[in-house]
Amino acid sequence: MKAIWPYMISIACTYFVTLSLFPGVESEMINCQWREWLPIILMALFNIFDVFGKIFALAAHHVLTPMQLFICSLLRFIYIPLMILCILPKSSPFLSNIFWQFFLSSTLGLTNGYFGSVPMIRAPLTIIEERKELTGNLMMFSYSVGLTVGSLLSYVLDAIIGQSTGIDWCQIAPLLNQTTWTIINNSSNIDNNS
């Protein structure tokens, strides 16, 4: 474990972030132009770029040092608040532009493919032949921990975001905005009349 700990933590962090967001949180993103097609497109983008990341990992697994790999895996935690900003507030998300939804889903897939594959490729290469099987078991343990804890966080994030309730925010948001402006105008008219 002393020899492969950066790889163990890297793979655990990679799958922790991925499972906390994909597919649960990602499927809650809303876009009035794409409507029910958006989750399908986002999942397709994630999977396509995940494959590209895995191919890139095969070709360039030696590019990063173990410490750089570890740090890059930790940097993926930025996806959690960014994807939540694509969803909240539901009536008008902070990152509501479709570019952010496509970009975040694609790069989440690409980095998942790369940072999920490189530790599995590299860890056994650093260990003597007699310990390769044990190394594989430890890497699978780290992978499983990342998947499990990430899935649990996904439930927490879904509770924070509030799962879909059947409300069509594309129809309600304009009404909310109109109601808000009506209230503001009425209160300013009351103030002017006072």
C-alpha atoms as a PDB file:
ATOM      1  CA  MET A   1       0.000   0.000   0.000  1.00  0.00           C
ATOM      2  CA  LYS A   2       2.906   2.353   0.688  1.00  0.00           C
ATOM      3  CA  ALA A   3       4.047   1.936  -2.907  1.00  0.00           C
ATOM      4  CA  ILE A   4       0.676   2.365  -4.623  1.00  0.00           C
ATOM      5  CA  TRP A   5      -1.258   4.743  -2.326  1.00  0.00           C
ATOM      6  CA  PRO A   6      -1.368   7.610  -4.899  1.00  0.00           C
ATOM      7  CA  TYR A   7      -2.996   5.241  -7.379  1.00  0.00           C
ATOM      8  CA  MET A   8      -5.432   3.906  -4.782  1.00  0.00           C
ATOM      9  CA  ILE A   9      -6.574   7.380  -3.732  1.00  0.00           C
ATOM     10  CA  SER A  10      -6.676   8.587  -7.347  1.00  0.00           C
ATOM     11  CA  ILE A  11      -9.030   5.850  -8.480  1.00  0.00           C
ATOM     12  CA  ALA A  12     -11.193   6.172  -5.356  1.00  0.00           C
ATOM     13  CA  CYS A  13     -11.515   9.960  -5.831  1.00  0.00           C
ATOM     14  CA  THR A  14     -12.193   9.611  -9.551  1.00  0.00           C
ATOM     15  CA  TYR A  15     -15.090   7.227  -9.110  1.00  0.00           C
ATOM     16  CA  PHE A  16     -16.335   9.023  -5.996  1.00  0.00           C
ATOM     17  CA  VAL A  17     -16.828  12.235  -8.005  1.00  0.00           C
ATOM     18  CA  THR A  18     -18.245  10.435 -11.040  1.00  0.00           C
ATOM     19  CA  LEU A  19     -20.791   8.333  -9.152  1.00  0.00           C
ATOM     20  CA  SER A  20     -21.889  11.284  -7.037  1.00  0.00           C
ATOM     21  CA  LEU A  21     -22.897  13.125 -10.231  1.00  0.00           C
ATOM     22  CA  PHE A  22     -23.567  10.557 -12.927  1.00  0.00           C
ATOM     23  CA  PRO A  23     -26.272   9.633 -13.712  1.00  0.00           C
ATOM     24  CA  GLY A  24     -28.363  10.917 -10.754  1.00  0.00           C
ATOM     25  CA  VAL A  25     -27.474  14.602 -10.486  1.00  0.00           C
ATOM     26  CA  GLU A  26     -26.751  14.982 -14.187  1.00  0.00           C
ATOM     27  CA  SER A  27     -30.228  13.741 -15.122  1.00  0.00           C
ATOM     28  CA  GLU A  28     -31.756  16.615 -13.085  1.00  0.00           C
ATOM     29  CA  MET A  29     -30.379  19.276 -15.454  1.00  0.00           C
ATOM     30  CA  ILE A  30     -33.040  21.308 -17.241  1.00  0.00           C
ATOM     31  CA  ASN A  31     -32.982  23.061 -20.594  1.00  0.00           C
ATOM     32  CA  CYS A  32     -36.203  24.384 -22.112  1.00  0.00           C
ATOM     33  CA  GLN A  33     -34.968  23.951 -25.691  1.00  0.00           C
ATOM     34  CA  TRP A  34     -33.846  20.299 -25.321  1.00  0.00           C
ATOM     35  CA  ARG A  35     -36.389  19.291 -22.634  1.00  0.00           C
ATOM     36  CA  GLU A  36     -36.510  15.490 -22.104  1.00  0.00           C
ATOM     37  CA  TRP A  37     -33.739  14.923 -24.663  1.00  0.00           C
ATOM     38  CA  LEU A  38     -31.178  16.699 -22.488  1.00  0.00           C
ATOM     39  CA  PRO A  39     -30.478  13.822 -20.039  1.00  0.00           C
ATOM     40  CA  ILE A  40     -30.193  11.381 -22.949  1.00  0.00           C
ATOM     41  CA  ILE A  41     -27.724  13.632 -24.798  1.00  0.00           C
ATOM     42  CA  LEU A  42     -25.720  14.315 -21.624  1.00  0.00           C
ATOM     43  CA  MET A  43     -25.421  10.608 -20.859  1.00  0.00           C
ATOM     44  CA  ALA A  44     -24.389   9.872 -24.439  1.00  0.00           C
ATOM     45  CA  LEU A  45     -21.740  12.616 -24.284  1.00  0.00           C
ATOM     46  CA  PHE A  46     -20.424  11.278 -20.986  1.00  0.00           C
ATOM     47  CA  ASN A  47     -20.122   7.730 -22.339  1.00  0.00           C
ATOM     48  CA  ILE A  48     -18.528   8.779 -25.648  1.00  0.00           C
ATOM     49  CA  PHE A  49     -15.921  10.927 -23.909  1.00  0.00           C
ATOM     50  CA  ASP A  50     -15.351   8.239 -21.275  1.00  0.00           C
ATOM     51  CA  VAL A  51     -14.301   5.884 -24.095  1.00  0.00           C
ATOM     52  CA  PHE A  52     -11.996   8.590 -25.525  1.00  0.00           C
ATOM     53  CA  GLY A  53     -10.473   9.030 -22.056  1.00  0.00           C
ATOM     54  CA  LYS A  54      -9.820   5.288 -21.772  1.00  0.00           C
ATOM     55  CA  ILE A  55      -8.192   5.227 -25.232  1.00  0.00           C
ATOM     56  CA  PHE A  56      -6.056   8.233 -24.299  1.00  0.00           C
ATOM     57  CA  ALA A  57      -5.060   6.457 -21.069  1.00  0.00           C
ATOM     58  CA  LEU A  58      -3.774   3.476 -23.050  1.00  0.00           C
ATOM     59  CA  ALA A  59      -1.702   5.746 -25.265  1.00  0.00           C
ATOM     60  CA  ALA A  60      -0.485   8.222 -22.634  1.00  0.00           C
ATOM     61  CA  HIS A  61      -0.586   6.540 -19.226  1.00  0.00           C
ATOM     62  CA  HIS A  62       3.011   7.540 -18.503  1.00  0.00           C
ATOM     63  CA  VAL A  63       2.497  11.322 -18.916  1.00  0.00           C
ATOM     64  CA  LEU A  64       1.715  12.124 -15.267  1.00  0.00           C
ATOM     65  CA  THR A  65       3.738  11.229 -12.200  1.00  0.00           C
ATOM     66  CA  PRO A  66       1.856   9.434  -9.385  1.00  0.00           C
ATOM     67  CA  MET A  67       1.634  12.700  -7.412  1.00  0.00           C
ATOM     68  CA  GLN A  68       0.332  14.654 -10.429  1.00  0.00           C
ATOM     69  CA  LEU A  69      -2.247  11.926 -11.019  1.00  0.00           C
ATOM     70  CA  PHE A  70      -3.286  12.157  -7.365  1.00  0.00           C
ATOM     71  CA  ILE A  71      -3.623  15.971  -7.519  1.00  0.00           C
ATOM     72  CA  CYS A  72      -5.558  15.887 -10.817  1.00  0.00           C
ATOM     73  CA  SER A  73      -7.976  13.351  -9.349  1.00  0.00           C
ATOM     74  CA  LEU A  74      -8.568  15.664  -6.379  1.00  0.00           C
ATOM     75  CA  LEU A  75      -9.164  18.609  -8.735  1.00  0.00           C
ATOM     76  CA  ARG A  76     -12.157  16.752 -10.174  1.00  0.00           C
ATOM     77  CA  PHE A  77     -14.073  17.645  -6.986  1.00  0.00           C
ATOM     78  CA  ILE A  78     -14.774  21.026  -8.650  1.00  0.00           C
ATOM     79  CA  TYR A  79     -17.340  19.211 -10.824  1.00  0.00           C
ATOM     80  CA  ILE A  80     -19.682  18.761  -7.850  1.00  0.00           C
ATOM     81  CA  PRO A  81     -20.464  22.460  -7.212  1.00  0.00           C
ATOM     82  CA  LEU A  82     -20.323  23.303 -10.929  1.00  0.00           C
ATOM     83  CA  MET A  83     -22.920  20.689 -11.839  1.00  0.00           C
ATOM     84  CA  ILE A  84     -25.132  21.759  -8.955  1.00  0.00           C
ATOM     85  CA  LEU A  85     -24.950  25.321 -10.327  1.00  0.00           C
ATOM     86  CA  CYS A  86     -26.318  23.913 -13.605  1.00  0.00           C
ATOM     87  CA  ILE A  87     -29.425  22.804 -11.684  1.00  0.00           C
ATOM     88  CA  LEU A  88     -30.057  25.309  -8.895  1.00  0.00           C
ATOM     89  CA  PRO A  89     -32.110  27.331  -8.472  1.00  0.00           C
ATOM     90  CA  LYS A  90     -34.522  25.205 -10.473  1.00  0.00           C
ATOM     91  CA  SER A  91     -36.432  28.192 -11.843  1.00  0.00           C
ATOM     92  CA  SER A  92     -33.257  29.803 -13.248  1.00  0.00           C
ATOM     93  CA  PRO A  93     -29.952  27.912 -12.737  1.00  0.00           C
ATOM     94  CA  PHE A  94     -26.765  29.951 -12.376  1.00  0.00           C
ATOM     95  CA  LEU A  95     -25.121  28.008 -15.247  1.00  0.00           C
ATOM     96  CA  SER A  96     -28.200  27.624 -17.404  1.00  0.00           C
ATOM     97  CA  ASN A  97     -26.448  27.905 -20.781  1.00  0.00           C
ATOM     98  CA  ILE A  98     -26.451  24.592 -22.637  1.00  0.00           C
ATOM     99  CA  PHE A  99     -22.713  25.031 -23.247  1.00  0.00           C
ATOM    100  CA  TRP A 100     -21.976  24.407 -19.541  1.00  0.00           C
ATOM    101  CA  GLN A 101     -24.132  21.310 -19.413  1.00  0.00           C
ATOM    102  CA  PHE A 102     -22.502  19.800 -22.509  1.00  0.00           C
ATOM    103  CA  PHE A 103     -18.986  20.893 -21.488  1.00  0.00           C
ATOM    104  CA  LEU A 104     -19.218  19.566 -17.935  1.00  0.00           C
ATOM    105  CA  SER A 105     -20.734  16.254 -19.013  1.00  0.00           C
ATOM    106  CA  SER A 106     -18.107  15.739 -21.736  1.00  0.00           C
ATOM    107  CA  THR A 107     -15.124  16.632 -19.562  1.00  0.00           C
ATOM    108  CA  LEU A 108     -16.496  14.585 -16.658  1.00  0.00           C
ATOM    109  CA  GLY A 109     -16.569  11.580 -19.006  1.00  0.00           C
ATOM    110  CA  LEU A 110     -13.133  12.306 -20.480  1.00  0.00           C
ATOM    111  CA  THR A 111     -11.469  12.705 -17.086  1.00  0.00           C
ATOM    112  CA  ASN A 112     -13.322   9.675 -15.723  1.00  0.00           C
ATOM    113  CA  GLY A 113     -12.003   7.542 -18.565  1.00  0.00           C
ATOM    114  CA  TYR A 114      -8.442   8.795 -18.179  1.00  0.00           C
ATOM    115  CA  PHE A 115      -8.094   9.056 -14.387  1.00  0.00           C
ATOM    116  CA  GLY A 116     -10.085   5.855 -13.896  1.00  0.00           C
ATOM    117  CA  SER A 117      -7.827   3.846 -16.212  1.00  0.00           C
ATOM    118  CA  VAL A 118      -4.332   5.189 -15.594  1.00  0.00           C
ATOM    119  CA  PRO A 119      -4.121   4.065 -11.928  1.00  0.00           C
ATOM    120  CA  MET A 120      -5.222   0.548 -12.921  1.00  0.00           C
ATOM    121  CA  ILE A 121      -2.593   0.441 -15.666  1.00  0.00           C
ATOM    122  CA  ARG A 122       0.255   1.974 -13.687  1.00  0.00           C
ATOM    123  CA  ALA A 123      -0.101   0.489 -10.183  1.00  0.00           C
ATOM    124  CA  PRO A 124       0.879  -3.092 -11.115  1.00  0.00           C
ATOM    125  CA  LEU A 125       3.862  -1.808 -13.133  1.00  0.00           C
ATOM    126  CA  THR A 126       5.468  -0.381  -9.991  1.00  0.00           C
ATOM    127  CA  ILE A 127       5.270  -3.615  -7.974  1.00  0.00           C
ATOM    128  CA  ILE A 128       7.354  -6.815  -8.093  1.00  0.00           C
ATOM    129  CA  GLU A 129       5.821  -9.815  -9.856  1.00  0.00           C
ATOM    130  CA  GLU A 130       4.862 -11.688  -6.665  1.00  0.00           C
ATOM    131  CA  ARG A 131       2.731  -8.756  -5.433  1.00  0.00           C
ATOM    132  CA  LYS A 132       0.856  -7.914  -8.648  1.00  0.00           C
ATOM    133  CA  GLU A 133      -2.208  -9.934  -7.665  1.00  0.00           C
ATOM    134  CA  LEU A 134      -2.366  -8.220  -4.277  1.00  0.00           C
ATOM    135  CA  THR A 135      -1.961  -4.868  -6.049  1.00  0.00           C
ATOM    136  CA  GLY A 136      -4.912  -5.661  -8.291  1.00  0.00           C
ATOM    137  CA  ASN A 137      -7.025  -6.561  -5.261  1.00  0.00           C
ATOM    138  CA  LEU A 138      -6.096  -3.324  -3.468  1.00  0.00           C
ATOM    139  CA  MET A 139      -6.913  -1.289  -6.584  1.00  0.00           C
ATOM    140  CA  MET A 140     -10.298  -2.996  -6.909  1.00  0.00           C
ATOM    141  CA  PHE A 141     -10.942  -2.286  -3.223  1.00  0.00           C
ATOM    142  CA  SER A 142     -10.199   1.425  -3.784  1.00  0.00           C
ATOM    143  CA  TYR A 143     -12.386   1.423  -6.889  1.00  0.00           C
ATOM    144  CA  SER A 144     -15.251  -0.146  -4.917  1.00  0.00           C
ATOM    145  CA  VAL A 145     -14.875   2.351  -2.068  1.00  0.00           C
ATOM    146  CA  GLY A 146     -15.069   5.230  -4.564  1.00  0.00           C
ATOM    147  CA  LEU A 147     -18.166   3.762  -6.220  1.00  0.00           C
ATOM    148  CA  THR A 148     -19.950   3.084  -2.938  1.00  0.00           C
ATOM    149  CA  VAL A 149     -19.248   6.400  -1.230  1.00  0.00           C
ATOM    150  CA  GLY A 150     -19.945   8.310  -4.462  1.00  0.00           C
ATOM    151  CA  SER A 151     -23.317   6.581  -4.799  1.00  0.00           C
ATOM    152  CA  LEU A 152     -24.178   7.502  -1.211  1.00  0.00           C
ATOM    153  CA  LEU A 153     -23.249  11.150  -1.859  1.00  0.00           C
ATOM    154  CA  SER A 154     -25.473  11.056  -4.938  1.00  0.00           C
ATOM    155  CA  TYR A 155     -28.464  10.348  -2.682  1.00  0.00           C
ATOM    156  CA  VAL A 156     -27.507  13.299  -0.471  1.00  0.00           C
ATOM    157  CA  LEU A 157     -27.100  15.600  -3.481  1.00  0.00           C
ATOM    158  CA  ASP A 158     -30.451  14.462  -4.891  1.00  0.00           C
ATOM    159  CA  ALA A 159     -32.053  15.324  -1.539  1.00  0.00           C
ATOM    160  CA  ILE A 160     -30.416  18.767  -1.568  1.00  0.00           C
ATOM    161  CA  ILE A 161     -31.376  19.444  -5.181  1.00  0.00           C
ATOM    162  CA  GLY A 162     -34.825  17.975  -4.812  1.00  0.00           C
ATOM    163  CA  GLN A 163     -35.680  15.227  -7.242  1.00  0.00           C
ATOM    164  CA  SER A 164     -37.984  15.919 -10.150  1.00  0.00           C
ATOM    165  CA  THR A 165     -41.532  16.394  -8.976  1.00  0.00           C
ATOM    166  CA  GLY A 166     -43.162  16.519 -12.374  1.00  0.00           C
ATOM    167  CA  ILE A 167     -43.102  20.333 -12.407  1.00  0.00           C
ATOM    168  CA  ASP A 168     -42.331  21.772 -15.819  1.00  0.00           C
ATOM    169  CA  TRP A 169     -39.951  24.589 -14.864  1.00  0.00           C
ATOM    170  CA  CYS A 170     -39.903  25.773 -18.470  1.00  0.00           C
ATOM    171  CA  GLN A 171     -43.552  26.800 -18.108  1.00  0.00           C
ATOM    172  CA  ILE A 172     -43.438  27.847 -14.456  1.00  0.00           C
ATOM    173  CA  ALA A 173     -40.261  29.991 -14.562  1.00  0.00           C
ATOM    174  CA  PRO A 174     -41.785  32.687 -16.831  1.00  0.00           C
ATOM    175  CA  LEU A 175     -44.869  32.759 -14.604  1.00  0.00           C
ATOM    176  CA  LEU A 176     -42.678  33.110 -11.495  1.00  0.00           C
ATOM    177  CA  ASN A 177     -40.740  35.943 -13.107  1.00  0.00           C
ATOM    178  CA  GLN A 178     -43.971  37.661 -14.155  1.00  0.00           C
ATOM    179  CA  THR A 179     -45.399  37.251 -10.640  1.00  0.00           C
ATOM    180  CA  THR A 180     -42.189  38.597  -9.092  1.00  0.00           C
ATOM    181  CA  TRP A 181     -42.258  41.684 -11.325  1.00  0.00           C
ATOM    182  CA  THR A 182     -45.949  42.199 -10.568  1.00  0.00           C
ATOM    183  CA  ILE A 183     -45.235  42.089  -6.819  1.00  0.00           C
ATOM    184  CA  ILE A 184     -42.292  44.489  -7.205  1.00  0.00           C
ATOM    185  CA  ASN A 185     -44.334  46.894  -9.316  1.00  0.00           C
ATOM    186  CA  ASN A 186     -47.278  46.774  -6.901  1.00  0.00           C
ATOM    187  CA  SER A 187     -45.025  47.418  -3.909  1.00  0.00           C
ATOM    188  CA  SER A 188     -43.314  50.351  -5.665  1.00  0.00           C
ATOM    189  CA  ASN A 189     -46.770  51.780  -6.601  1.00  0.00           C
ATOM    190  CA  ILE A 190     -47.829  51.496  -2.964  1.00  0.00           C
ATOM    191  CA  ASP A 191     -44.631  53.278  -1.877  1.00  0.00           C
ATOM    192  CA  ASN A 192     -45.173  56.034  -4.462  1.00  0.00           C
ATOM    193  CA  ASN A 193     -48.793  56.540  -3.363  1.00  0.00           C
ATOM    194  CA  SER A 194     -47.818  56.763   0.323  1.00  0.00           C
END
